[in-house]
Each structure stands twice: as C-alpha cells, then as structure tokens.
C-alpha cells in the first residue's frame, strides 16, 4: 500500500542501469532535483503533467515549462500529478525541428516510461529524461552524464539530513542545519552497490555526539516500490553493507564498507 509522500523523505533507494543510462529511484522528489540543478536546467518539454502555467508548442502539440518557471513548477505538489514526465531542451525553435518519428518516441517515453531508443537527442541537447509516477515514489531518470546523478545524490543526502535533524536554537525555534554535500568520490566508490540497488536510510541514522552515521543496505533491483519498501523493512534488522559518516568536528564525510 502506497504511503503518503511525506513518508518517503527519509529513505533513498537508487538503482543504476549503466547500459541504458538511467537510474530508478525512490525518495528524491522533483523539488530536490530542481534545487540541485538550480540555474542550469533548460526548458522542460512536458510529456505528462498537470502544470497549469505551461506554454504550448504547435509543432509537437505538447506543452512546455520555460526555464524561468521551473521554480514555480518545483513549488507545486508534483506528487499529486500522478504521472509527471519531461525531457529538457535548449530553446523552443528546436522543438519545431523534431520529426514525426522523434515525437512518437517522446510520446512513448511519457506513456510507457521506457525508451524505444536511448533518449538523448542532439537537436534538443537534453541532459535528462525524467519519468515519474507519484513523484518521489517511483522515478526513472535518464542521464546523459552520470556525473549529474552523483551531484544530485550528494546534494539530496545533505539536504534531507538537514531537514530531518532540526536543532532547537536558544529561543526554542527549530532550525534547519546545513550539511556539506557528500563528496562525489565517496558516492562513486559505492557504484558497484548502486548498480545492484541500495537503500540509504536517514531514518536509521545514528546521531552521536561527534558524528552522524547513515547506514546503506544493498537490496536489489526493483521496479515496484512497494516490494522495495518491504525488502528494506526486512533487511533493516540485519547488518548494513556500508555506512557514510559525517564528522561534526572536521565537517567531512567518510565511507565504511563492511
């Protein structure tokens, strides 16, 4: 049974498919994605959405979100859209150059959440294809460069940790703590695990005086996130496969593989 999206914020699942250049994820939402690439995202051609402030392209008969409205889109309850799919592109003129075959491929992507051919179009200059069902619950994102994926993951872990661990100030007001991004080298060294499918569990993080330890379990390849959550709940009682540790004194992240 699907939980409300508030419940998905303290658990991240990622499974990387290197051959087809996509990552299946749970726990990372569009708002976090947009924040991680703030200022560098191009216009978004909307393949499935409910955004009511989009522009219309006559050639493709599809709506798009101009770059300057991405923050507005990110502020929406995108989870409630159900299906939310897009591909980024450089400028509107390039949409008018798409062939019938290419438009058909894009419609298939938005409808089936699968590609007919790898969905990187030189005309569009796209870095991503973002295919979500209940945004944050099931996301399948194609990356032209996996550097972007590791950037997103390093950012998302730090942001989530800051939101979870709200510290009381002297006046008793709970305030967010800012944590540095997890170093890309640490996440890159987890690649063999990420190719199998891992859960990074902030809900199981141990907050000690001098450090915070976040456990990671290898759970496998899932297309159904109900099954993934069930597997995580069973494996969470067992020893973890790795942990990332934040040292409060040095403000640095470390990795331990068990």
Protein backbone atom coordinates (compact mmCIF):
# COMPACT_ATOMS: atom_id res chain seq x y z
CA UNK A 1 0.00 0.00 0.00
CA UNK A 2 1.46 3.35 -1.00
CA UNK A 3 2.20 5.73 1.81
CA UNK A 4 1.75 9.47 1.52
CA UNK A 5 4.78 11.19 0.07
CA UNK A 6 5.68 12.72 3.45
CA UNK A 7 6.81 9.22 4.46
CA UNK A 8 9.31 8.83 1.65
CA UNK A 9 11.64 11.62 2.61
CA UNK A 10 13.92 9.75 4.99
CA UNK A 11 14.74 6.77 2.78
CA UNK A 12 16.52 6.89 -0.58
CA UNK A 13 16.58 3.96 -2.99
CA UNK A 14 18.76 4.14 -6.10
CA UNK A 15 19.45 1.55 -8.78
CA UNK A 16 21.74 2.47 -11.65
CA UNK A 17 21.47 0.91 -15.10
CA UNK A 18 24.71 1.80 -16.85
CA UNK A 19 23.91 0.26 -20.24
CA UNK A 20 20.67 2.18 -20.73
CA UNK A 21 21.88 5.28 -18.86
CA UNK A 22 19.11 5.60 -16.31
CA UNK A 23 18.60 5.46 -12.56
CA UNK A 24 15.46 4.19 -10.85
CA UNK A 25 14.96 5.99 -7.55
CA UNK A 26 12.63 6.40 -4.61
CA UNK A 27 12.78 9.22 -2.07
CA UNK A 28 14.14 12.02 -4.27
CA UNK A 29 11.49 14.47 -5.44
CA UNK A 30 11.38 16.96 -8.31
CA UNK A 31 11.75 19.92 -5.91
CA UNK A 32 15.07 18.42 -4.74
CA UNK A 33 16.10 17.70 -8.32
CA UNK A 34 15.31 21.28 -9.41
CA UNK A 35 17.21 22.68 -6.40
CA UNK A 36 20.27 20.54 -7.13
CA UNK A 37 20.42 21.87 -10.72
CA UNK A 38 19.22 25.37 -9.89
CA UNK A 39 20.30 27.81 -12.60
CA UNK A 40 21.46 25.11 -15.01
CA UNK A 41 18.19 23.43 -16.05
CA UNK A 42 16.92 24.29 -19.52
CA UNK A 43 13.25 24.42 -20.61
CA UNK A 44 11.22 21.28 -19.92
CA UNK A 45 9.06 19.65 -22.60
CA UNK A 46 6.19 18.19 -20.55
CA UNK A 47 5.24 14.67 -21.64
CA UNK A 48 2.83 14.02 -18.73
CA UNK A 49 1.86 16.67 -16.16
CA UNK A 50 -0.84 18.85 -14.61
CA UNK A 51 1.03 22.16 -14.53
CA UNK A 52 -1.40 24.93 -15.47
CA UNK A 53 1.14 27.63 -16.30
CA UNK A 54 2.83 25.89 -19.23
CA UNK A 55 3.34 27.23 -22.77
CA UNK A 56 2.14 25.36 -25.86
CA UNK A 57 4.23 24.27 -28.84
CA UNK A 58 2.21 23.98 -32.05
CA UNK A 59 4.59 21.62 -33.85
CA UNK A 60 4.66 18.87 -31.20
CA UNK A 61 1.21 19.72 -29.74
CA UNK A 62 2.89 19.45 -26.34
CA UNK A 63 3.19 21.92 -23.50
CA UNK A 64 6.47 23.03 -22.03
CA UNK A 65 7.72 24.79 -18.92
CA UNK A 66 10.05 27.69 -19.76
CA UNK A 67 13.27 27.84 -17.77
CA UNK A 68 12.09 30.88 -15.77
CA UNK A 69 9.01 28.99 -14.49
CA UNK A 70 10.82 25.86 -13.24
CA UNK A 71 10.87 27.17 -9.66
CA UNK A 72 7.10 27.68 -9.86
CA UNK A 73 6.68 24.10 -11.10
CA UNK A 74 9.00 22.78 -8.37
CA UNK A 75 6.88 24.54 -5.71
CA UNK A 76 3.76 22.60 -6.83
CA UNK A 77 2.59 19.34 -5.27
CA UNK A 78 4.02 17.40 -8.20
CA UNK A 79 3.39 14.12 -6.35
CA UNK A 80 -0.35 14.70 -6.78
CA UNK A 81 0.01 14.85 -10.59
CA UNK A 82 0.34 11.06 -10.71
CA UNK A 83 2.41 10.76 -13.89
CA UNK A 84 4.99 13.51 -14.29
CA UNK A 85 7.37 13.16 -17.24
CA UNK A 86 9.58 15.60 -19.10
CA UNK A 87 12.65 16.00 -21.30
CA UNK A 88 14.76 19.16 -21.22
CA UNK A 89 15.65 21.17 -24.34
CA UNK A 90 17.76 24.21 -25.23
CA UNK A 91 15.31 26.57 -26.99
CA UNK A 92 11.80 26.46 -28.46
CA UNK A 93 13.00 26.59 -32.07
CA UNK A 94 14.50 23.09 -31.74
CA UNK A 95 11.06 21.61 -30.94
CA UNK A 96 9.92 22.65 -34.41
CA UNK A 97 12.70 20.54 -35.96
CA UNK A 98 11.56 17.27 -34.36
CA UNK A 99 10.46 14.60 -36.84
CA UNK A 100 7.26 12.58 -36.53
CA UNK A 101 9.39 9.58 -35.51
CA UNK A 102 11.10 11.58 -32.73
CA UNK A 103 7.77 12.94 -31.44
CA UNK A 104 6.43 9.36 -31.42
CA UNK A 105 9.46 8.24 -29.39
CA UNK A 106 8.87 11.05 -26.87
CA UNK A 107 5.16 10.19 -26.54
CA UNK A 108 6.10 6.54 -25.97
CA UNK A 109 8.59 7.60 -23.27
CA UNK A 110 5.95 9.61 -21.42
CA UNK A 111 3.35 6.87 -21.77
CA UNK A 112 5.35 3.68 -21.14
CA UNK A 113 8.29 5.12 -19.13
CA UNK A 114 10.57 3.12 -21.42
CA UNK A 115 12.66 4.11 -24.40
CA UNK A 116 12.46 2.84 -27.96
CA UNK A 117 16.00 4.14 -28.49
CA UNK A 118 18.29 5.87 -25.98
CA UNK A 119 16.51 9.21 -25.41
CA UNK A 120 19.33 11.67 -25.97
CA UNK A 121 18.62 14.00 -28.87
CA UNK A 122 21.33 16.24 -30.26
CA UNK A 123 18.63 18.61 -31.55
CA UNK A 124 17.24 19.07 -28.05
CA UNK A 125 20.62 18.95 -26.32
CA UNK A 126 18.88 17.25 -23.39
CA UNK A 127 20.79 16.18 -20.27
CA UNK A 128 17.86 14.33 -18.74
CA UNK A 129 14.65 12.46 -19.26
CA UNK A 130 12.58 12.47 -16.07
CA UNK A 131 9.81 9.86 -15.80
CA UNK A 132 7.91 9.73 -12.50
CA UNK A 133 4.83 8.00 -11.18
CA UNK A 134 3.79 9.69 -7.91
CA UNK A 135 6.91 11.85 -7.93
CA UNK A 136 9.44 10.67 -5.35
CA UNK A 137 7.75 7.27 -5.11
CA UNK A 138 8.90 5.89 -8.47
CA UNK A 139 11.28 7.92 -10.61
CA UNK A 140 13.20 6.74 -13.64
CA UNK A 141 15.68 9.35 -14.81
CA UNK A 142 17.94 9.10 -17.84
CA UNK A 143 21.27 10.91 -17.52
CA UNK A 144 23.45 11.91 -20.45
CA UNK A 145 26.25 12.06 -17.88
CA UNK A 146 26.18 10.12 -14.61
CA UNK A 147 28.15 13.00 -13.08
CA UNK A 148 24.77 14.73 -12.84
CA UNK A 149 23.30 11.76 -10.96
CA UNK A 150 26.12 11.75 -8.40
CA UNK A 151 25.73 15.51 -7.98
CA UNK A 152 22.00 15.07 -7.29
CA UNK A 153 22.57 12.24 -4.79
CA UNK A 154 25.29 14.10 -2.89
CA UNK A 155 23.04 17.16 -2.65
CA UNK A 156 19.88 15.23 -1.71
CA UNK A 157 21.50 13.35 1.20
CA UNK A 158 22.82 16.59 2.71
CA UNK A 159 19.51 18.45 2.27
CA UNK A 160 17.44 15.58 3.71
CA UNK A 161 19.74 15.27 6.71
CA UNK A 162 19.32 18.99 7.39
CA UNK A 163 15.52 18.71 7.20
CA UNK A 164 15.35 15.66 9.46
CA UNK A 165 17.64 16.85 12.19
CA UNK A 166 16.07 20.16 13.14
CA UNK A 167 18.01 21.66 16.02
CA UNK A 168 16.46 23.87 18.67
CA UNK A 169 18.03 27.28 18.93
CA UNK A 170 18.37 29.20 22.21
CA UNK A 171 14.88 30.63 21.69
CA UNK A 172 13.44 27.15 21.20
CA UNK A 173 12.80 27.68 17.50
CA UNK A 174 13.60 24.61 15.44
CA UNK A 175 16.01 25.46 12.66
CA UNK A 176 17.42 23.50 9.77
CA UNK A 177 21.07 22.61 9.86
CA UNK A 178 23.09 22.90 6.70
CA UNK A 179 25.36 19.97 5.92
CA UNK A 180 28.01 19.90 3.20
CA UNK A 181 27.33 17.70 0.20
CA UNK A 182 28.57 14.13 0.46
CA UNK A 183 31.80 14.01 -1.54
CA UNK A 184 31.37 12.63 -5.06
CA UNK A 185 34.38 10.30 -4.54
CA UNK A 186 32.53 8.53 -1.71
CA UNK A 187 29.43 8.02 -3.84
CA UNK A 188 31.45 6.99 -6.88
CA UNK A 189 33.13 4.28 -4.82
CA UNK A 190 29.63 2.97 -4.00
CA UNK A 191 28.91 2.48 -7.74
CA UNK A 192 29.16 -1.36 -7.65
CA UNK A 193 26.49 -1.38 -4.89
CA UNK A 194 24.33 1.23 -6.67
CA UNK A 195 24.33 -0.99 -9.78
CA UNK A 196 22.73 -3.68 -7.60
CA UNK A 197 20.27 -1.28 -5.91
CA UNK A 198 20.78 0.31 -2.48
CA UNK A 199 18.79 1.91 0.32
CA UNK A 200 20.39 4.88 2.05
CA UNK A 201 18.44 5.17 5.28
CA UNK A 202 18.31 8.53 7.01
CA UNK A 203 15.56 7.17 9.24
CA UNK A 204 18.08 4.68 10.69
CA UNK A 205 20.87 7.26 11.03
CA UNK A 206 22.69 7.22 14.37
CA UNK A 207 23.16 10.70 15.75
CA UNK A 208 26.11 10.62 18.12
CA UNK A 209 27.85 13.47 19.83
CA UNK A 210 30.70 13.79 17.36
CA UNK A 211 29.27 12.18 14.25
CA UNK A 212 26.25 11.02 12.30
CA UNK A 213 26.28 7.54 10.77
CA UNK A 214 23.94 6.72 7.87
CA UNK A 215 23.57 3.00 7.03
CA UNK A 216 23.33 1.63 3.50
CA UNK A 217 21.87 -1.74 2.52
CA UNK A 218 22.13 -3.50 -0.83
CA UNK A 219 18.52 -4.53 -1.54
CA UNK A 220 18.49 -5.39 -5.26
CA UNK A 221 16.72 -4.34 -8.43
CA UNK A 222 13.08 -3.21 -8.05
CA UNK A 223 10.53 -1.75 -10.44
CA UNK A 224 7.76 -1.98 -7.82
CA UNK A 225 8.46 0.31 -4.87
CA UNK A 226 6.01 -1.47 -2.56
CA UNK A 227 8.23 -4.55 -2.94
CA UNK A 228 11.35 -2.47 -2.39
CA UNK A 229 10.00 -0.97 0.85
CA UNK A 230 9.01 -4.45 2.03
CA UNK A 231 12.52 -5.76 1.29
CA UNK A 232 14.06 -2.76 3.09
CA UNK A 233 11.88 -3.37 6.16
CA UNK A 234 13.10 -6.98 6.32
CA UNK A 235 16.77 -6.18 5.72
CA UNK A 236 16.88 -3.16 8.08
CA UNK A 237 17.19 -5.50 11.09
CA UNK A 238 20.30 -7.09 9.57
CA UNK A 239 23.85 -5.69 9.44
CA UNK A 240 24.28 -2.96 6.82
CA UNK A 241 26.67 -3.29 3.88
CA UNK A 242 28.20 0.19 4.17
CA UNK A 243 27.77 3.43 6.05
CA UNK A 244 28.57 7.05 5.38
CA UNK A 245 29.67 9.06 8.40
CA UNK A 246 29.62 12.82 8.89
CA UNK A 247 32.27 14.04 11.32
CA UNK A 248 30.82 17.08 13.10
CA UNK A 249 34.24 18.41 14.05
CA UNK A 250 36.01 18.21 10.68
CA UNK A 251 32.74 18.69 8.73
CA UNK A 252 33.83 15.84 6.46
CA UNK A 253 32.15 12.71 5.16
CA UNK A 254 33.74 9.25 5.29
CA UNK A 255 32.75 5.87 3.90
CA UNK A 256 32.98 2.48 5.58
CA UNK A 257 32.28 -0.61 3.53
CA UNK A 258 31.64 -3.60 5.77
